[in-house]
Amino acid sequence: MPGAEKAAGALRTIGELAQEIGRPQHILRYWETRFPQLRPLTRAGNRRYYRAEDVALVRRIHDLLSNQGYTIRGVQKLLAAEKGTKVARAAAGTATPGATVDKQGLKAVRDSLSQALDEDGS
């Protein structure tokens, strides 16, 4: 369905994401080798499906590289520093276990799955 908008939490193919950010697919594959945080789901035939958090990360990497003048190495250091900050906060006890769980997001997924099951049973 060309031109059809997907839901915010829907999985995106590498082609859809590449078109969205205006970069070729091979650039996204390259970024996967350079940024360990970027791990899309892979299916049979090595097809890549990007989750919502992967899409957000790709958009951020794209912005840092294209608009803010960062290098690949600079973005790697920035993302690693942010990860280190989160780990340090968790170790210091300032983050509660499970605080990263998006309860509203989980409820939305549950409702979406429930609706799909209801529609499938009809």
PDB file of N, CA and C in Angstrom:
ATOM      1  N   MET A   1       0.833  -1.177   0.000  1.00  0.00           N
ATOM      2  CA  MET A   1       0.000   0.000   0.000  1.00  0.00           C
ATOM      3  C   MET A   1       0.880   1.243   0.000  1.00  0.00           C
ATOM      4  N   PRO A   2       1.355   1.689  -1.126  1.00  0.00           N
ATOM      5  CA  PRO A   2       2.166   2.883  -1.171  1.00  0.00           C
ATOM      6  C   PRO A   2       1.381   4.096  -0.700  1.00  0.00           C
ATOM      7  N   GLY A   3       2.063   4.928   0.076  1.00  0.00           N
ATOM      8  CA  GLY A   3       1.436   6.150   0.542  1.00  0.00           C
ATOM      9  C   GLY A   3       0.623   5.981   1.821  1.00  0.00           C
ATOM     10  N   ALA A   4       0.391   4.747   2.263  1.00  0.00           N
ATOM     11  CA  ALA A   4      -0.382   4.527   3.478  1.00  0.00           C
ATOM     12  C   ALA A   4       0.506   4.795   4.699  1.00  0.00           C
ATOM     13  N   GLU A   5      -0.016   5.554   5.641  1.00  0.00           N
ATOM     14  CA  GLU A   5       0.721   5.867   6.854  1.00  0.00           C
ATOM     15  C   GLU A   5       0.586   4.712   7.836  1.00  0.00           C
ATOM     16  N   LYS A   6       1.692   4.393   8.503  1.00  0.00           N
ATOM     17  CA  LYS A   6       1.667   3.335   9.503  1.00  0.00           C
ATOM     18  C   LYS A   6       1.458   3.950  10.881  1.00  0.00           C
ATOM     19  N   ALA A   7       0.998   3.122  11.797  1.00  0.00           N
ATOM     20  CA  ALA A   7       0.848   3.570  13.176  1.00  0.00           C
ATOM     21  C   ALA A   7       2.229   3.880  13.750  1.00  0.00           C
ATOM     22  N   ALA A   8       2.257   4.704  14.773  1.00  0.00           N
ATOM     23  CA  ALA A   8       3.529   5.145  15.359  1.00  0.00           C
ATOM     24  C   ALA A   8       4.375   3.967  15.843  1.00  0.00           C
ATOM     25  N   GLY A   9       3.758   2.943  16.392  1.00  0.00           N
ATOM     26  CA  GLY A   9       4.493   1.816  16.932  1.00  0.00           C
ATOM     27  C   GLY A   9       4.711   0.670  15.958  1.00  0.00           C
ATOM     28  N   ALA A  10       4.293   0.842  14.712  1.00  0.00           N
ATOM     29  CA  ALA A  10       4.405  -0.239  13.729  1.00  0.00           C
ATOM     30  C   ALA A  10       5.857  -0.466  13.324  1.00  0.00           C
ATOM     31  N   LEU A  11       6.162  -1.707  12.982  1.00  0.00           N
ATOM     32  CA  LEU A  11       7.497  -2.024  12.493  1.00  0.00           C
ATOM     33  C   LEU A  11       7.687  -1.419  11.107  1.00  0.00           C
ATOM     34  N   ARG A  12       8.882  -0.953  10.834  1.00  0.00           N
ATOM     35  CA  ARG A  12       9.205  -0.367   9.536  1.00  0.00           C
ATOM     36  C   ARG A  12      10.264  -1.209   8.848  1.00  0.00           C
ATOM     37  N   THR A  13      10.137  -1.366   7.548  1.00  0.00           N
ATOM     38  CA  THR A  13      11.175  -2.078   6.798  1.00  0.00           C
ATOM     39  C   THR A  13      12.333  -1.122   6.566  1.00  0.00           C
ATOM     40  N   ILE A  14      13.459  -1.673   6.167  1.00  0.00           N
ATOM     41  CA  ILE A  14      14.621  -0.835   5.917  1.00  0.00           C
ATOM     42  C   ILE A  14      14.353   0.140   4.773  1.00  0.00           C
ATOM     43  N   GLY A  15      13.586  -0.291   3.777  1.00  0.00           N
ATOM     44  CA  GLY A  15      13.245   0.586   2.665  1.00  0.00           C
ATOM     45  C   GLY A  15      12.376   1.757   3.092  1.00  0.00           C
ATOM     46  N   GLU A  16      11.391   1.479   3.936  1.00  0.00           N
ATOM     47  CA  GLU A  16      10.509   2.540   4.424  1.00  0.00           C
ATOM     48  C   GLU A  16      11.280   3.561   5.252  1.00  0.00           C
ATOM     49  N   LEU A  17      12.152   3.059   6.134  1.00  0.00           N
ATOM     50  CA  LEU A  17      12.913   3.954   6.984  1.00  0.00           C
ATOM     51  C   LEU A  17      13.932   4.755   6.179  1.00  0.00           C
ATOM     52  N   ALA A  18      14.577   4.105   5.227  1.00  0.00           N
ATOM     53  CA  ALA A  18      15.548   4.805   4.380  1.00  0.00           C
ATOM     54  C   ALA A  18      14.861   5.926   3.606  1.00  0.00           C
ATOM     55  N   GLN A  19      13.689   5.652   3.073  1.00  0.00           N
ATOM     56  CA  GLN A  19      12.949   6.666   2.328  1.00  0.00           C
ATOM     57  C   GLN A  19      12.519   7.804   3.249  1.00  0.00           C
ATOM     58  N   GLU A  20      12.117   7.462   4.468  1.00  0.00           N
ATOM     59  CA  GLU A  20      11.653   8.467   5.420  1.00  0.00           C
ATOM     60  C   GLU A  20      12.752   9.467   5.775  1.00  0.00           C
ATOM     61  N   ILE A  21      13.980   8.979   5.971  1.00  0.00           N
ATOM     62  CA  ILE A  21      15.061   9.887   6.357  1.00  0.00           C
ATOM     63  C   ILE A  21      15.852  10.405   5.151  1.00  0.00           C
ATOM     64  N   GLY A  22      15.556   9.877   3.977  1.00  0.00           N
ATOM     65  CA  GLY A  22      16.222  10.365   2.779  1.00  0.00           C
ATOM     66  C   GLY A  22      17.641   9.860   2.601  1.00  0.00           C
ATOM     67  N   ARG A  23      17.905   8.667   3.083  1.00  0.00           N
ATOM     68  CA  ARG A  23      19.220   8.048   2.935  1.00  0.00           C
ATOM     69  C   ARG A  23      19.053   6.692   2.260  1.00  0.00           C
ATOM     70  N   PRO A  24      20.084   6.217   1.549  1.00  0.00           N
ATOM     71  CA  PRO A  24      19.999   4.877   0.944  1.00  0.00           C
ATOM     72  C   PRO A  24      20.025   3.786   2.013  1.00  0.00           C
ATOM     73  N   GLN A  25      19.519   2.621   1.644  1.00  0.00           N
ATOM     74  CA  GLN A  25      19.450   1.500   2.581  1.00  0.00           C
ATOM     75  C   GLN A  25      20.825   1.063   3.066  1.00  0.00           C
ATOM     76  N   HIS A  26      21.823   1.137   2.201  1.00  0.00           N
ATOM     77  CA  HIS A  26      23.144   0.666   2.618  1.00  0.00           C
ATOM     78  C   HIS A  26      23.726   1.526   3.742  1.00  0.00           C
ATOM     79  N   ILE A  27      23.297   2.771   3.840  1.00  0.00           N
ATOM     80  CA  ILE A  27      23.750   3.631   4.936  1.00  0.00           C
ATOM     81  C   ILE A  27      23.200   3.107   6.258  1.00  0.00           C
ATOM     82  N   LEU A  28      21.944   2.690   6.266  1.00  0.00           N
ATOM     83  CA  LEU A  28      21.365   2.129   7.489  1.00  0.00           C
ATOM     84  C   LEU A  28      22.070   0.838   7.881  1.00  0.00           C
ATOM     85  N   ARG A  29      22.402   0.012   6.890  1.00  0.00           N
ATOM     86  CA  ARG A  29      23.145  -1.219   7.191  1.00  0.00           C
ATOM     87  C   ARG A  29      24.515  -0.888   7.775  1.00  0.00           C
ATOM     88  N   TYR A  30      25.159   0.134   7.224  1.00  0.00           N
ATOM     89  CA  TYR A  30      26.462   0.566   7.747  1.00  0.00           C
ATOM     90  C   TYR A  30      26.323   1.052   9.186  1.00  0.00           C
ATOM     91  N   TRP A  31      25.299   1.848   9.464  1.00  0.00           N
ATOM     92  CA  TRP A  31      25.090   2.340  10.818  1.00  0.00           C
ATOM     93  C   TRP A  31      24.893   1.197  11.796  1.00  0.00           C
ATOM     94  N   GLU A  32      24.260   0.105  11.356  1.00  0.00           N
ATOM     95  CA  GLU A  32      24.086  -1.061  12.232  1.00  0.00           C
ATOM     96  C   GLU A  32      25.435  -1.627  12.656  1.00  0.00           C
ATOM     97  N   THR A  33      26.448  -1.520  11.787  1.00  0.00           N
ATOM     98  CA  THR A  33      27.774  -2.032  12.137  1.00  0.00           C
ATOM     99  C   THR A  33      28.524  -1.077  13.052  1.00  0.00           C
ATOM    100  N   ARG A  34      28.159   0.179  13.067  1.00  0.00           N
ATOM    101  CA  ARG A  34      28.865   1.194  13.841  1.00  0.00           C
ATOM    102  C   ARG A  34      28.206   1.539  15.167  1.00  0.00           C
ATOM    103  N   PHE A  35      26.922   1.296  15.283  1.00  0.00           N
ATOM    104  CA  PHE A  35      26.190   1.645  16.495  1.00  0.00           C
ATOM    105  C   PHE A  35      25.549   0.391  17.085  1.00  0.00           C
ATOM    106  N   PRO A  36      26.138  -0.167  18.129  1.00  0.00           N
ATOM    107  CA  PRO A  36      25.598  -1.409  18.704  1.00  0.00           C
ATOM    108  C   PRO A  36      24.190  -1.240  19.277  1.00  0.00           C
ATOM    109  N   GLN A  37      23.796   0.004  19.548  1.00  0.00           N
ATOM    110  CA  GLN A  37      22.445   0.249  20.067  1.00  0.00           C
ATOM    111  C   GLN A  37      21.381   0.009  18.998  1.00  0.00           C
ATOM    112  N   LEU A  38      21.776   0.073  17.749  1.00  0.00           N
ATOM    113  CA  LEU A  38      20.837  -0.080  16.631  1.00  0.00           C
ATOM    114  C   LEU A  38      20.786  -1.548  16.224  1.00  0.00           C
ATOM    115  N   ARG A  39      19.757  -2.233  16.676  1.00  0.00           N
ATOM    116  CA  ARG A  39      19.600  -3.661  16.387  1.00  0.00           C
ATOM    117  C   ARG A  39      18.174  -3.948  15.940  1.00  0.00           C
ATOM    118  N   PRO A  40      17.886  -3.794  14.659  1.00  0.00           N
ATOM    119  CA  PRO A  40      16.531  -4.107  14.190  1.00  0.00           C
ATOM    120  C   PRO A  40      16.272  -5.610  14.249  1.00  0.00           C
ATOM    121  N   LEU A  41      15.009  -5.959  14.239  1.00  0.00           N
ATOM    122  CA  LEU A  41      14.642  -7.371  14.162  1.00  0.00           C
ATOM    123  C   LEU A  41      15.025  -7.880  12.777  1.00  0.00           C
ATOM    124  N   THR A  42      15.513  -9.102  12.707  1.00  0.00           N
ATOM    125  CA  THR A  42      15.801  -9.688  11.398  1.00  0.00           C
ATOM    126  C   THR A  42      14.965 -10.947  11.253  1.00  0.00           C
ATOM    127  N   ARG A  43      14.440 -11.121  10.076  1.00  0.00           N
ATOM    128  CA  ARG A  43      13.600 -12.272   9.763  1.00  0.00           C
ATOM    129  C   ARG A  43      14.264 -13.096   8.671  1.00  0.00           C
ATOM    130  N   ALA A  44      13.552 -14.075   8.187  1.00  0.00           N
ATOM    131  CA  ALA A  44      14.072 -14.949   7.138  1.00  0.00           C
ATOM    132  C   ALA A  44      14.571 -14.117   5.963  1.00  0.00           C
ATOM    133  N   GLY A  45      15.651 -14.532   5.395  1.00  0.00           N
ATOM    134  CA  GLY A  45      16.213 -13.792   4.267  1.00  0.00           C
ATOM    135  C   GLY A  45      16.925 -12.524   4.714  1.00  0.00           C
ATOM    136  N   ASN A  46      17.192 -12.406   6.021  1.00  0.00           N
ATOM    137  CA  ASN A  46      17.892 -11.252   6.590  1.00  0.00           C
ATOM    138  C   ASN A  46      17.115  -9.943   6.386  1.00  0.00           C
ATOM    139  N   ARG A  47      15.792 -10.042   6.315  1.00  0.00           N
ATOM    140  CA  ARG A  47      14.962  -8.837   6.198  1.00  0.00           C
ATOM    141  C   ARG A  47      14.965  -8.107   7.535  1.00  0.00           C
ATOM    142  N   ARG A  48      15.126  -6.805   7.485  1.00  0.00           N
ATOM    143  CA  ARG A  48      15.209  -5.999   8.692  1.00  0.00           C
ATOM    144  C   ARG A  48      13.887  -5.296   8.955  1.00  0.00           C
ATOM    145  N   TYR A  49      13.470  -5.327  10.221  1.00  0.00           N
ATOM    146  CA  TYR A  49      12.280  -4.609  10.667  1.00  0.00           C
ATOM    147  C   TYR A  49      12.677  -3.752  11.853  1.00  0.00           C
ATOM    148  N   TYR A  50      12.440  -2.461  11.726  1.00  0.00           N
ATOM    149  CA  TYR A  50      12.832  -1.508  12.759  1.00  0.00           C
ATOM    150  C   TYR A  50      11.664  -1.223  13.689  1.00  0.00           C
ATOM    151  N   ARG A  51      11.910  -1.386  14.994  1.00  0.00           N
ATOM    152  CA  ARG A  51      10.915  -1.070  16.024  1.00  0.00           C
ATOM    153  C   ARG A  51      10.876   0.447  16.226  1.00  0.00           C
ATOM    154  N   ALA A  52       9.916   0.920  16.988  1.00  0.00           N
ATOM    155  CA  ALA A  52       9.761   2.365  17.222  1.00  0.00           C
ATOM    156  C   ALA A  52      11.025   2.963  17.842  1.00  0.00           C
ATOM    157  N   GLU A  53      11.646   2.255  18.788  1.00  0.00           N
ATOM    158  CA  GLU A  53      12.860   2.793  19.418  1.00  0.00           C
ATOM    159  C   GLU A  53      14.037   2.808  18.438  1.00  0.00           C
ATOM    160  N   ASP A  54      14.068   1.838  17.511  1.00  0.00           N
ATOM    161  CA  ASP A  54      15.099   1.840  16.468  1.00  0.00           C
ATOM    162  C   ASP A  54      14.900   3.019  15.513  1.00  0.00           C
ATOM    163  N   VAL A  55      13.639   3.285  15.173  1.00  0.00           N
ATOM    164  CA  VAL A  55      13.328   4.406  14.282  1.00  0.00           C
ATOM    165  C   VAL A  55      13.761   5.717  14.931  1.00  0.00           C
ATOM    166  N   ALA A  56      13.459   5.872  16.217  1.00  0.00           N
ATOM    167  CA  ALA A  56      13.853   7.095  16.933  1.00  0.00           C
ATOM    168  C   ALA A  56      15.370   7.245  16.950  1.00  0.00           C
ATOM    169  N   LEU A  57      16.079   6.135  17.160  1.00  0.00           N
ATOM    170  CA  LEU A  57      17.537   6.185  17.178  1.00  0.00           C
ATOM    171  C   LEU A  57      18.096   6.536  15.805  1.00  0.00           C
ATOM    172  N   VAL A  58      17.546   5.968  14.755  1.00  0.00           N
ATOM    173  CA  VAL A  58      18.000   6.277  13.392  1.00  0.00           C
ATOM    174  C   VAL A  58      17.768   7.753  13.086  1.00  0.00           C
ATOM    175  N   ARG A  59      16.608   8.266  13.469  1.00  0.00           N
ATOM    176  CA  ARG A  59      16.331   9.688  13.238  1.00  0.00           C
ATOM    177  C   ARG A  59      17.337  10.561  13.994  1.00  0.00           C
ATOM    178  N   ARG A  60      17.651  10.156  15.210  1.00  0.00           N
ATOM    179  CA  ARG A  60      18.607  10.932  16.013  1.00  0.00           C
ATOM    180  C   ARG A  60      20.000  10.885  15.402  1.00  0.00           C
ATOM    181  N   ILE A  61      20.446   9.688  15.012  1.00  0.00           N
ATOM    182  CA  ILE A  61      21.758   9.552  14.373  1.00  0.00           C
ATOM    183  C   ILE A  61      21.804  10.396  13.107  1.00  0.00           C
ATOM    184  N   HIS A  62      20.755  10.323  12.310  1.00  0.00           N
ATOM    185  CA  HIS A  62      20.680  11.097  11.077  1.00  0.00           C
ATOM    186  C   HIS A  62      20.787  12.598  11.371  1.00  0.00           C
ATOM    187  N   ASP A  63      20.064  13.056  12.374  1.00  0.00           N
ATOM    188  CA  ASP A  63      20.100  14.479  12.739  1.00  0.00           C
ATOM    189  C   ASP A  63      21.489  14.888  13.211  1.00  0.00           C
ATOM    190  N   LEU A  64      22.093  14.077  14.067  1.00  0.00           N
ATOM    191  CA  LEU A  64      23.423  14.411  14.579  1.00  0.00           C
ATOM    192  C   LEU A  64      24.453  14.473  13.457  1.00  0.00           C
ATOM    193  N   LEU A  65      24.375  13.530  12.530  1.00  0.00           N
ATOM    194  CA  LEU A  65      25.347  13.495  11.437  1.00  0.00           C
ATOM    195  C   LEU A  65      25.076  14.583  10.391  1.00  0.00           C
ATOM    196  N   SER A  66      23.831  14.748  10.024  1.00  0.00           N
ATOM    197  CA  SER A  66      23.494  15.644   8.910  1.00  0.00           C
ATOM    198  C   SER A  66      23.338  17.099   9.317  1.00  0.00           C
ATOM    199  N   ASN A  67      22.661  17.335  10.421  1.00  0.00           N
ATOM    200  CA  ASN A  67      22.306  18.700  10.791  1.00  0.00           C
ATOM    201  C   ASN A  67      23.221  19.327  11.839  1.00  0.00           C
ATOM    202  N   GLN A  68      23.777  18.496  12.720  1.00  0.00           N
ATOM    203  CA  GLN A  68      24.561  19.050  13.815  1.00  0.00           C
ATOM    204  C   GLN A  68      26.062  18.900  13.607  1.00  0.00           C
ATOM    205  N   GLY A  69      26.466  18.279  12.520  1.00  0.00           N
ATOM    206  CA  GLY A  69      27.882  18.233  12.169  1.00  0.00           C
ATOM    207  C   GLY A  69      28.731  17.216  12.908  1.00  0.00           C
ATOM    208  N   TYR A  70      28.109  16.248  13.555  1.00  0.00           N
ATOM    209  CA  TYR A  70      28.874  15.215  14.245  1.00  0.00           C
ATOM    210  C   TYR A  70      29.499  14.258  13.230  1.00  0.00           C
ATOM    211  N   THR A  71      30.583  13.616  13.638  1.00  0.00           N
ATOM    212  CA  THR A  71      31.163  12.519  12.862  1.00  0.00           C
ATOM    213  C   THR A  71      30.599  11.221  13.410  1.00  0.00           C
ATOM    214  N   ILE A  72      30.848  10.127  12.709  1.00  0.00           N
ATOM    215  CA  ILE A  72      30.409   8.810  13.205  1.00  0.00           C
ATOM    216  C   ILE A  72      30.998   8.578  14.602  1.00  0.00           C
ATOM    217  N   ARG A  73      32.288   8.840  14.733  1.00  0.00           N
ATOM    218  CA  ARG A  73      32.961   8.631  16.021  1.00  0.00           C
ATOM    219  C   ARG A  73      32.354   9.528  17.102  1.00  0.00           C
ATOM    220  N   GLY A  74      32.023  10.749  16.742  1.00  0.00           N
ATOM    221  CA  GLY A  74      31.420  11.660  17.705  1.00  0.00           C
ATOM    222  C   GLY A  74      30.068  11.174  18.182  1.00  0.00           C
ATOM    223  N   VAL A  75      29.264  10.665  17.272  1.00  0.00           N
ATOM    224  CA  VAL A  75      27.948  10.130  17.649  1.00  0.00           C
ATOM    225  C   VAL A  75      28.130   8.883  18.522  1.00  0.00           C
ATOM    226  N   GLN A  76      29.109   8.048  18.177  1.00  0.00           N
ATOM    227  CA  GLN A  76      29.374   6.858  18.992  1.00  0.00           C
ATOM    228  C   GLN A  76      29.707   7.256  20.427  1.00  0.00           C
ATOM    229  N   LYS A  77      30.571   8.255  20.574  1.00  0.00           N
ATOM    230  CA  LYS A  77      30.960   8.708  21.919  1.00  0.00           C
ATOM    231  C   LYS A  77      29.775   9.300  22.665  1.00  0.00           C
ATOM    232  N   LEU A  78      28.965  10.085  21.966  1.00  0.00           N
ATOM    233  CA  LEU A  78      27.794  10.693  22.588  1.00  0.00           C
ATOM    234  C   LEU A  78      26.820   9.633  23.087  1.00  0.00           C
ATOM    235  N   LEU A  79      26.513   8.657  22.242  1.00  0.00           N
ATOM    236  CA  LEU A  79      25.579   7.595  22.636  1.00  0.00           C
ATOM    237  C   LEU A  79      26.150   6.744  23.766  1.00  0.00           C
ATOM    238  N   ALA A  80      27.455   6.471  23.725  1.00  0.00           N
ATOM    239  CA  ALA A  80      28.093   5.692  24.789  1.00  0.00           C
ATOM    240  C   ALA A  80      28.061   6.459  26.111  1.00  0.00           C
ATOM    241  N   ALA A  81      28.278   7.771  26.048  1.00  0.00           N
ATOM    242  CA  ALA A  81      28.241   8.592  27.262  1.00  0.00           C
ATOM    243  C   ALA A  81      26.837   8.611  27.859  1.00  0.00           C
ATOM    244  N   GLU A  82      25.828   8.704  27.005  1.00  0.00           N
ATOM    245  CA  GLU A  82      24.447   8.686  27.494  1.00  0.00           C
ATOM    246  C   GLU A  82      24.111   7.350  28.126  1.00  0.00           C
ATOM    247  N   LYS A  83      24.590   6.270  27.516  1.00  0.00           N
ATOM    248  CA  LYS A  83      24.360   4.940  28.081  1.00  0.00           C
ATOM    249  C   LYS A  83      25.042   4.827  29.437  1.00  0.00           C
ATOM    250  N   GLY A  84      26.268   5.343  29.529  1.00  0.00           N
ATOM    251  CA  GLY A  84      27.008   5.325  30.788  1.00  0.00           C
ATOM    252  C   GLY A  84      26.313   6.119  31.871  1.00  0.00           C
ATOM    253  N   THR A  85      25.708   7.228  31.510  1.00  0.00           N
ATOM    254  CA  THR A  85      24.981   8.050  32.466  1.00  0.00           C
ATOM    255  C   THR A  85      23.777   7.291  33.013  1.00  0.00           C
ATOM    256  N   LYS A  86      23.065   6.579  32.138  1.00  0.00           N
ATOM    257  CA  LYS A  86      21.907   5.795  32.583  1.00  0.00           C
ATOM    258  C   LYS A  86      22.336   4.668  33.516  1.00  0.00           C
ATOM    259  N   VAL A  87      23.454   4.006  33.182  1.00  0.00           N
ATOM    260  CA  VAL A  87      23.958   2.920  34.020  1.00  0.00           C
ATOM    261  C   VAL A  87      24.398   3.460  35.372  1.00  0.00           C
ATOM    262  N   ALA A  88      25.064   4.615  35.367  1.00  0.00           N
ATOM    263  CA  ALA A  88      25.528   5.214  36.621  1.00  0.00           C
ATOM    264  C   ALA A  88      24.350   5.594  37.516  1.00  0.00           C
ATOM    265  N   ARG A  89      23.295   6.148  36.920  1.00  0.00           N
ATOM    266  CA  ARG A  89      22.106   6.503  37.696  1.00  0.00           C
ATOM    267  C   ARG A  89      21.463   5.262  38.304  1.00  0.00           C
ATOM    268  N   ALA A  90      21.405   4.186  37.534  1.00  0.00           N
ATOM    269  CA  ALA A  90      20.808   2.943  38.039  1.00  0.00           C
ATOM    270  C   ALA A  90      21.647   2.382  39.180  1.00  0.00           C
ATOM    271  N   ALA A  91      22.976   2.438  39.046  1.00  0.00           N
ATOM    272  CA  ALA A  91      23.862   1.929  40.092  1.00  0.00           C
ATOM    273  C   ALA A  91      23.764   2.767  41.360  1.00  0.00           C
ATOM    274  N   ALA A  92      23.529   4.064  41.202  1.00  0.00           N
ATOM    275  CA  ALA A  92      23.435   4.956  42.350  1.00  0.00           C
ATOM    276  C   ALA A  92      22.084   4.848  43.048  1.00  0.00           C
ATOM    277  N   GLY A  93      21.173   4.128  42.435  1.00  0.00           N
ATOM    278  CA  GLY A  93      19.861   3.945  43.051  1.00  0.00           C
ATOM    279  C   GLY A  93      18.882   5.056  42.739  1.00  0.00           C
ATOM    280  N   THR A  94      19.225   5.958  41.839  1.00  0.00           N
ATOM    281  CA  THR A  94      18.307   7.039  41.501  1.00  0.00           C
ATOM    282  C   THR A  94      17.253   6.584  40.510  1.00  0.00           C
ATOM    283  N   ALA A  95      17.467   5.454  39.887  1.00  0.00           N
ATOM    284  CA  ALA A  95      16.472   4.894  38.970  1.00  0.00           C
ATOM    285  C   ALA A  95      15.882   3.652  39.622  1.00  0.00           C
ATOM    286  N   THR A  96      14.585   3.549  39.616  1.00  0.00           N
ATOM    287  CA  THR A  96      13.953   2.384  40.206  1.00  0.00           C
ATOM    288  C   THR A  96      13.909   1.258  39.187  1.00  0.00           C
ATOM    289  N   PRO A  97      13.997   0.008  39.647  1.00  0.00           N
ATOM    290  CA  PRO A  97      13.910  -1.111  38.712  1.00  0.00           C
ATOM    291  C   PRO A  97      12.591  -1.071  37.954  1.00  0.00           C
ATOM    292  N   GLY A  98      12.682  -1.272  36.656  1.00  0.00           N
ATOM    293  CA  GLY A  98      11.487  -1.259  35.834  1.00  0.00           C
ATOM    294  C   GLY A  98      11.021   0.132  35.446  1.00  0.00           C
ATOM    295  N   ALA A  99      11.809   1.161  35.797  1.00  0.00           N
ATOM    296  CA  ALA A  99      11.405   2.535  35.492  1.00  0.00           C
ATOM    297  C   ALA A  99      11.392   2.799  33.997  1.00  0.00           C
ATOM    298  N   THR A 100      12.110   1.994  33.245  1.00  0.00           N
ATOM    299  CA  THR A 100      12.165   2.221  31.806  1.00  0.00           C
ATOM    300  C   THR A 100      10.974   1.595  31.090  1.00  0.00           C
ATOM    301  N   VAL A 101      10.126   0.903  31.817  1.00  0.00           N
ATOM    302  CA  VAL A 101       8.958   0.269  31.206  1.00  0.00           C
ATOM    303  C   VAL A 101       7.925   1.343  30.889  1.00  0.00           C
ATOM    304  N   ASP A 102       7.518   1.403  29.656  1.00  0.00           N
ATOM    305  CA  ASP A 102       6.506   2.348  29.207  1.00  0.00           C
ATOM    306  C   ASP A 102       5.147   1.675  29.358  1.00  0.00           C
ATOM    307  N   LYS A 103       4.499   1.916  30.482  1.00  0.00           N
ATOM    308  CA  LYS A 103       3.233   1.239  30.770  1.00  0.00           C
ATOM    309  C   LYS A 103       2.144   1.619  29.783  1.00  0.00           C
ATOM    310  N   GLN A 104       2.100   2.890  29.401  1.00  0.00           N
ATOM    311  CA  GLN A 104       1.092   3.317  28.431  1.00  0.00           C
ATOM    312  C   GLN A 104       1.330   2.636  27.087  1.00  0.00           C
ATOM    313  N   GLY A 105       2.603   2.532  26.700  1.00  0.00           N
ATOM    314  CA  GLY A 105       2.941   1.866  25.443  1.00  0.00           C
ATOM    315  C   GLY A 105       2.555   0.399  25.471  1.00  0.00           C
ATOM    316  N   LEU A 106       2.803  -0.257  26.599  1.00  0.00           N
ATOM    317  CA  LEU A 106       2.438  -1.665  26.735  1.00  0.00           C
ATOM    318  C   LEU A 106       0.923  -1.848  26.672  1.00  0.00           C
ATOM    319  N   LYS A 107       0.203  -0.938  27.309  1.00  0.00           N
ATOM    320  CA  LYS A 107      -1.254  -1.020  27.268  1.00  0.00           C
ATOM    321  C   LYS A 107      -1.769  -0.813  25.843  1.00  0.00           C
ATOM    322  N   ALA A 108      -1.143   0.107  25.123  1.00  0.00           N
ATOM    323  CA  ALA A 108      -1.554   0.365  23.734  1.00  0.00           C
ATOM    324  C   ALA A 108      -1.311  -0.872  22.867  1.00  0.00           C
ATOM    325  N   VAL A 109      -0.175  -1.540  23.067  1.00  0.00           N
ATOM    326  CA  VAL A 109       0.124  -2.758  22.315  1.00  0.00           C
ATOM    327  C   VAL A 109      -0.872  -3.852  22.667  1.00  0.00           C
ATOM    328  N   ARG A 110      -1.166  -3.990  23.966  1.00  0.00           N
ATOM    329  CA  ARG A 110      -2.133  -4.994  24.413  1.00  0.00           C
ATOM    330  C   ARG A 110      -3.500  -4.750  23.784  1.00  0.00           C
ATOM    331  N   ASP A 111      -3.928  -3.500  23.807  1.00  0.00           N
ATOM    332  CA  ASP A 111      -5.235  -3.163  23.229  1.00  0.00           C
ATOM    333  C   ASP A 111      -5.252  -3.421  21.728  1.00  0.00           C
ATOM    334  N   SER A 112      -4.157  -3.081  21.065  1.00  0.00           N
ATOM    335  CA  SER A 112      -4.057  -3.295  19.621  1.00  0.00           C
ATOM    336  C   SER A 112      -4.123  -4.785  19.285  1.00  0.00           C
ATOM    337  N   LEU A 113      -3.410  -5.601  20.061  1.00  0.00           N
ATOM    338  CA  LEU A 113      -3.441  -7.049  19.840  1.00  0.00           C
ATOM    339  C   LEU A 113      -4.818  -7.626  20.127  1.00  0.00           C
ATOM    340  N   SER A 114      -5.443  -7.133  21.184  1.00  0.00           N
ATOM    341  CA  SER A 114      -6.785  -7.597  21.529  1.00  0.00           C
ATOM    342  C   SER A 114      -7.768  -7.264  20.414  1.00  0.00           C
ATOM    343  N   GLN A 115      -7.663  -6.045  19.888  1.00  0.00           N
ATOM    344  CA  GLN A 115      -8.543  -5.642  18.796  1.00  0.00           C
ATOM    345  C   GLN A 115      -8.298  -6.508  17.553  1.00  0.00           C
ATOM    346  N   ALA A 116      -7.039  -6.800  17.253  1.00  0.00           N
ATOM    347  CA  ALA A 116      -6.722  -7.620  16.087  1.00  0.00           C
ATOM    348  C   ALA A 116      -7.284  -9.027  16.247  1.00  0.00           C
ATOM    349  N   LEU A 117      -7.202  -9.566  17.449  1.00  0.00           N
ATOM    350  CA  LEU A 117      -7.756 -10.898  17.706  1.00  0.00           C
ATOM    351  C   LEU A 117      -9.267 -10.891  17.560  1.00  0.00           C
ATOM    352  N   ASP A 118      -9.902  -9.827  18.060  1.00  0.00           N
ATOM    353  CA  ASP A 118     -11.358  -9.716  17.935  1.00  0.00           C
ATOM    354  C   ASP A 118     -11.776  -9.640  16.471  1.00  0.00           C
ATOM    355  N   GLU A 119     -11.040  -8.856  15.686  1.00  0.00           N
ATOM    356  CA  GLU A 119     -11.357  -8.711  14.266  1.00  0.00           C
ATOM    357  C   GLU A 119     -11.108 -10.019  13.510  1.00  0.00           C
ATOM    358  N   ASP A 120     -10.078 -10.739  13.913  1.00  0.00           N
ATOM    359  CA  ASP A 120      -9.737 -11.991  13.241  1.00  0.00           C
ATOM    360  C   ASP A 120     -10.790 -13.057  13.525  1.00  0.00           C
ATOM    361  N   GLY A 121     -11.368 -13.018  14.717  1.00  0.00           N
ATOM    362  CA  GLY A 121     -12.374 -14.001  15.100  1.00  0.00           C
ATOM    363  C   GLY A 121     -13.735 -13.734  14.480  1.00  0.00           C
ATOM    364  N   SER A 122     -13.936 -12.543  13.950  1.00  0.00           N
ATOM    365  CA  SER A 122     -15.254 -12.177  13.395  1.00  0.00           C
ATOM    366  C   SER A 122     -15.489 -12.805  12.057  1.00  0.00           C
TER     367      SER A 122
END
